[in-house]
Amino acid sequence: MCHFGTSNNEMIFGTAALGVVQDLKNNKQKFFGGCEKDKDAEKYQASWPFHQDDITCMDIAGGENRHIVATGECGKMSTIHVWDTKTMTSIANFSLGASAKGVAACSISPC
């Protein structure tokens, strides 16, 4: 899964539990996620602000909102995160609960 961002010089993709925005012109990257946990902490924690397992799906809004991305993950405490590629901050996140086994697909509605 790889998408162009707000221009053809920006590529957005997921790798492991990180959302990555690659500036192709300047060869620089920005990341959504990558927060460290205490080494004794449980793997999955409720209300964690970023993905805790591998990103399995991604969609990007269209038109003027092409900087808004939704990503879903696999794993025991699957979540969907909506984030902004300009600021690399979270807009919203949705937990699918402990019974979920992962997110296979996600989409942003044009309306």
Foldseek 3Di string as FASTA:
>chain_A
DKDAFPDNQWIWDWDWFWIWIARNVVRDIDIQDDDDDDPPDDLDDPPDQGDSGGWQEKEAADDPRRQWMWTWWFAQFIKIFIAGNVVSGTPDMDTPDRVDGIDNYDYDDND
